[in-house]
N, C-alpha and C. Protein backbone atom coordinates (compact mmCIF):
# COMPACT_ATOMS: atom_id res chain seq x y z
N MET A 1 81.43 12.80 123.82
CA MET A 1 82.00 14.12 123.72
C MET A 1 80.76 15.21 123.74
N GLY A 2 79.89 14.93 123.03
CA GLY A 2 78.62 15.83 122.92
C GLY A 2 78.60 16.81 121.80
N ILE A 3 77.61 17.36 121.67
CA ILE A 3 77.19 18.45 120.53
C ILE A 3 77.65 19.81 121.02
N ILE A 4 78.60 20.50 120.25
CA ILE A 4 78.97 21.86 120.68
C ILE A 4 78.43 22.69 119.77
N SER A 5 77.68 23.88 120.12
CA SER A 5 77.28 24.82 119.35
C SER A 5 77.64 26.34 119.92
N ALA A 6 77.56 27.25 119.05
CA ALA A 6 77.90 28.59 119.68
C ALA A 6 77.02 29.72 118.92
N GLU A 7 76.92 30.75 119.43
CA GLU A 7 76.18 31.91 118.79
C GLU A 7 77.33 32.76 118.10
N ILE A 8 77.17 32.85 116.65
CA ILE A 8 78.04 33.51 115.92
C ILE A 8 77.35 34.61 115.18
N LEU A 9 78.20 35.66 114.64
CA LEU A 9 77.64 36.75 113.86
C LEU A 9 78.17 36.62 112.43
N LEU A 10 77.39 36.61 111.45
CA LEU A 10 77.72 36.50 110.05
C LEU A 10 77.54 37.95 109.31
N SER A 11 78.35 38.27 108.62
CA SER A 11 78.26 39.53 107.88
C SER A 11 79.08 39.46 106.61
N ASN A 12 78.84 40.40 105.72
CA ASN A 12 79.53 40.48 104.50
C ASN A 12 80.48 41.58 104.65
N PRO A 13 81.74 41.40 104.56
CA PRO A 13 82.90 42.34 104.78
C PRO A 13 83.00 43.25 103.52
N ARG A 14 82.31 42.90 102.36
CA ARG A 14 82.27 43.88 101.20
C ARG A 14 81.25 44.80 101.28
N ASN A 15 80.31 44.62 102.18
CA ASN A 15 79.23 45.55 102.16
C ASN A 15 78.86 45.71 103.59
N ARG A 16 79.45 46.76 104.19
CA ARG A 16 79.18 46.99 105.80
C ARG A 16 77.73 47.54 105.94
N VAL A 17 77.01 48.06 104.94
CA VAL A 17 75.74 48.74 105.24
C VAL A 17 74.60 47.60 105.67
N LEU A 18 74.85 46.33 105.10
CA LEU A 18 74.05 45.33 105.66
C LEU A 18 74.19 44.97 107.02
N HIS A 19 73.17 44.68 107.74
CA HIS A 19 73.10 44.32 109.21
C HIS A 19 73.45 42.97 109.45
N PRO A 20 74.48 42.53 110.21
CA PRO A 20 74.97 41.35 110.38
C PRO A 20 73.85 40.36 110.96
N VAL A 21 74.03 39.08 110.79
CA VAL A 21 72.89 38.09 111.28
C VAL A 21 73.50 37.28 112.31
N ILE A 22 72.79 37.17 113.50
CA ILE A 22 73.20 36.37 114.53
C ILE A 22 72.55 35.00 114.42
N VAL A 23 73.28 33.97 114.49
CA VAL A 23 72.79 32.70 114.22
C VAL A 23 73.50 31.61 115.29
N ARG A 24 72.75 30.50 115.59
CA ARG A 24 73.28 29.47 116.39
C ARG A 24 73.95 28.45 115.50
N ALA A 25 75.35 28.27 115.69
CA ALA A 25 76.08 27.37 114.67
C ALA A 25 76.43 25.98 115.48
N LEU A 26 76.45 24.91 114.69
CA LEU A 26 76.86 23.58 115.21
C LEU A 26 78.37 23.51 114.82
N ALA A 27 79.28 23.22 115.86
CA ALA A 27 80.56 23.05 115.59
C ALA A 27 80.92 21.65 115.12
N ASP A 28 81.61 21.61 113.98
CA ASP A 28 82.01 20.37 113.36
C ASP A 28 83.48 20.19 113.11
N THR A 29 84.25 19.54 114.06
CA THR A 29 85.73 19.70 113.95
C THR A 29 86.34 19.00 112.76
N GLY A 30 85.48 18.34 111.98
CA GLY A 30 85.97 17.62 110.74
C GLY A 30 85.60 18.57 109.48
N ALA A 31 84.91 19.64 109.65
CA ALA A 31 84.40 20.38 108.48
C ALA A 31 85.65 21.18 108.10
N LEU A 32 85.49 21.35 106.65
CA LEU A 32 86.55 22.17 105.93
C LEU A 32 85.79 23.56 105.43
N HIS A 33 84.60 23.38 105.32
CA HIS A 33 83.87 24.77 104.88
C HIS A 33 82.81 25.02 105.93
N LEU A 34 82.26 26.23 105.86
CA LEU A 34 81.15 26.66 106.63
C LEU A 34 79.93 26.50 105.71
N CYS A 35 79.11 25.84 106.13
CA CYS A 35 77.58 25.73 105.45
C CYS A 35 76.53 26.53 106.01
N ILE A 36 76.06 27.49 105.30
CA ILE A 36 75.05 28.37 105.72
C ILE A 36 73.78 28.22 104.88
N PRO A 37 72.64 28.42 105.36
CA PRO A 37 71.32 28.32 104.72
C PRO A 37 71.33 29.48 103.56
N GLU A 38 70.55 29.01 102.51
CA GLU A 38 70.53 29.89 101.26
C GLU A 38 70.00 31.40 101.67
N HIS A 39 68.93 31.43 102.56
CA HIS A 39 68.38 32.63 102.92
C HIS A 39 69.53 33.70 103.62
N ILE A 40 70.27 33.15 104.35
CA ILE A 40 71.35 33.90 104.92
C ILE A 40 72.34 34.33 103.71
N ALA A 41 72.68 33.54 102.91
CA ALA A 41 73.59 34.08 101.85
C ALA A 41 72.82 35.26 100.90
N ILE A 42 71.55 35.01 100.63
CA ILE A 42 70.82 36.08 100.01
C ILE A 42 70.64 37.25 100.64
N GLN A 43 70.44 37.26 102.06
CA GLN A 43 70.16 38.48 102.86
C GLN A 43 71.58 39.17 103.12
N GLN A 44 72.60 38.52 103.14
CA GLN A 44 73.96 39.03 103.28
C GLN A 44 74.59 39.58 101.82
N GLU A 45 73.85 39.19 100.84
CA GLU A 45 74.23 39.57 99.36
C GLU A 45 75.82 38.89 99.03
N LEU A 46 75.97 37.76 99.45
CA LEU A 46 77.09 37.03 99.21
C LEU A 46 77.29 36.63 97.82
N GLU A 47 78.48 36.88 97.28
CA GLU A 47 78.69 36.55 95.85
C GLU A 47 78.95 35.02 95.46
N GLU A 48 78.29 34.54 94.40
CA GLU A 48 78.49 33.12 94.11
C GLU A 48 79.86 32.91 93.38
N LEU A 49 80.81 32.19 93.94
CA LEU A 49 82.16 32.14 93.28
C LEU A 49 82.18 30.93 92.40
N TYR A 50 81.56 29.80 92.63
CA TYR A 50 81.46 28.58 91.76
C TYR A 50 80.46 27.59 92.30
N ARG A 51 80.18 26.58 91.60
CA ARG A 51 79.32 25.40 92.10
C ARG A 51 80.04 24.11 92.12
N ARG A 52 79.75 23.27 92.94
CA ARG A 52 80.17 21.96 93.07
C ARG A 52 79.28 21.03 93.59
N GLU A 53 79.39 19.75 93.16
CA GLU A 53 78.51 18.80 93.59
C GLU A 53 78.96 18.12 94.88
N VAL A 54 78.12 18.11 95.84
CA VAL A 54 78.52 17.59 97.23
C VAL A 54 77.64 16.35 97.57
N THR A 55 78.16 15.55 98.39
CA THR A 55 77.38 14.39 98.94
C THR A 55 77.16 14.57 100.40
N THR A 56 75.97 14.63 100.78
CA THR A 56 75.55 14.69 102.26
C THR A 56 75.66 13.48 103.01
N ALA A 57 75.47 13.64 104.26
CA ALA A 57 75.36 12.56 105.14
C ALA A 57 74.47 11.32 104.71
N ASP A 58 73.36 11.71 104.24
CA ASP A 58 72.27 10.63 103.94
C ASP A 58 72.56 10.09 102.50
N GLY A 59 73.62 10.40 101.87
CA GLY A 59 74.12 9.88 100.77
C GLY A 59 73.57 10.69 99.31
N GLY A 60 72.72 11.71 99.71
CA GLY A 60 72.25 12.44 98.40
C GLY A 60 73.42 13.48 97.96
N LYS A 61 73.22 13.60 96.65
CA LYS A 61 74.09 14.46 95.89
C LYS A 61 73.25 15.82 95.55
N HIS A 62 74.04 16.86 95.75
CA HIS A 62 73.46 18.20 95.50
C HIS A 62 74.47 19.08 94.99
N LEU A 63 73.96 19.96 93.90
CA LEU A 63 74.70 20.97 93.39
C LEU A 63 74.65 22.22 94.26
N CYS A 64 75.83 22.64 94.81
CA CYS A 64 75.67 23.64 95.74
C CYS A 64 76.83 24.83 95.26
N ALA A 65 76.22 26.06 95.62
CA ALA A 65 77.06 27.28 95.37
C ALA A 65 78.00 27.62 96.43
N TYR A 66 79.14 27.85 96.14
CA TYR A 66 80.01 28.30 97.14
C TYR A 66 80.11 29.86 96.98
N VAL A 67 79.77 30.45 98.12
CA VAL A 67 79.70 31.95 98.18
C VAL A 67 80.60 32.44 99.22
N GLY A 68 80.81 33.84 99.03
CA GLY A 68 81.76 34.45 100.12
C GLY A 68 82.31 35.81 99.52
N PRO A 69 83.07 36.43 100.20
CA PRO A 69 83.41 36.01 101.56
C PRO A 69 82.47 36.33 102.57
N VAL A 70 82.45 35.73 103.81
CA VAL A 70 81.64 35.91 104.90
C VAL A 70 82.47 36.09 106.10
N GLU A 71 82.14 36.95 106.89
CA GLU A 71 82.92 37.40 108.02
C GLU A 71 82.09 36.64 109.19
N VAL A 72 82.77 35.89 109.92
CA VAL A 72 82.33 35.13 111.08
C VAL A 72 82.83 35.64 112.44
N THR A 73 82.23 36.22 113.19
CA THR A 73 82.59 36.70 114.48
C THR A 73 82.15 35.96 115.65
N MET A 74 82.97 35.33 116.27
CA MET A 74 82.45 34.45 117.54
C MET A 74 82.87 35.21 118.68
N LYS A 75 81.95 35.24 119.55
CA LYS A 75 82.02 36.03 120.72
C LYS A 75 82.18 34.93 121.87
N THR A 76 83.18 35.01 122.80
CA THR A 76 83.37 34.24 123.89
C THR A 76 83.58 35.13 125.04
N GLU A 77 83.56 34.53 126.33
CA GLU A 77 83.79 35.32 127.53
C GLU A 77 85.26 35.76 127.71
N VAL A 78 86.21 35.14 126.92
CA VAL A 78 87.58 35.32 127.03
C VAL A 78 87.94 36.55 125.97
N ALA A 79 87.56 36.19 124.68
CA ALA A 79 87.98 37.25 123.58
C ALA A 79 87.07 37.00 122.34
N SER A 80 87.06 37.95 121.44
CA SER A 80 86.39 37.86 120.23
C SER A 80 87.38 37.55 119.15
N ARG A 81 87.17 36.62 118.41
CA ARG A 81 88.00 36.28 117.14
C ARG A 81 87.15 36.50 115.77
N VAL A 82 87.87 36.82 114.83
CA VAL A 82 87.20 37.00 113.43
C VAL A 82 87.84 35.83 112.50
N LEU A 83 86.98 35.06 111.85
CA LEU A 83 87.48 33.99 111.18
C LEU A 83 86.92 34.24 109.86
N TRP A 84 87.67 33.95 108.72
CA TRP A 84 87.35 34.08 107.34
C TRP A 84 87.12 32.76 106.62
N TYR A 85 85.84 32.54 106.07
CA TYR A 85 85.69 31.27 105.56
C TYR A 85 85.17 31.48 104.02
N TRP A 86 85.36 30.65 103.09
CA TRP A 86 84.61 30.61 101.78
C TRP A 86 83.48 29.66 102.06
N ALA A 87 82.32 30.13 102.26
CA ALA A 87 81.05 29.45 102.72
C ALA A 87 80.34 28.68 101.44
N MET A 88 79.62 27.61 101.88
CA MET A 88 78.85 27.14 100.85
C MET A 88 77.41 26.95 101.35
N ARG A 89 76.47 26.97 100.42
CA ARG A 89 74.97 26.80 100.89
C ARG A 89 74.29 25.88 100.04
N PHE A 90 73.24 25.17 100.47
CA PHE A 90 72.67 24.19 99.63
C PHE A 90 71.38 24.80 99.03
N TYR A 91 71.12 24.45 97.87
CA TYR A 91 69.92 24.69 97.06
C TYR A 91 68.93 23.68 97.24
């Protein structure tokens, strides 16, 4: 099937003064959460909601902060959609 990626816009809906960040995202049809790098969470001033231990594909265990909310805007040729996620980031 191949790897699917898209350019998305990430922003903090609680603080519209901050400029949104444009990133290239990898689509994972089996994912339940959006995973973003720590520097984006800091830049967008996303609030830490709680922490959980997660296991990554290499078997490593990491304590991760779940942050949010983050607004994800996906631009397509057909239409623009806004999706809401409670995002997590790795430390």
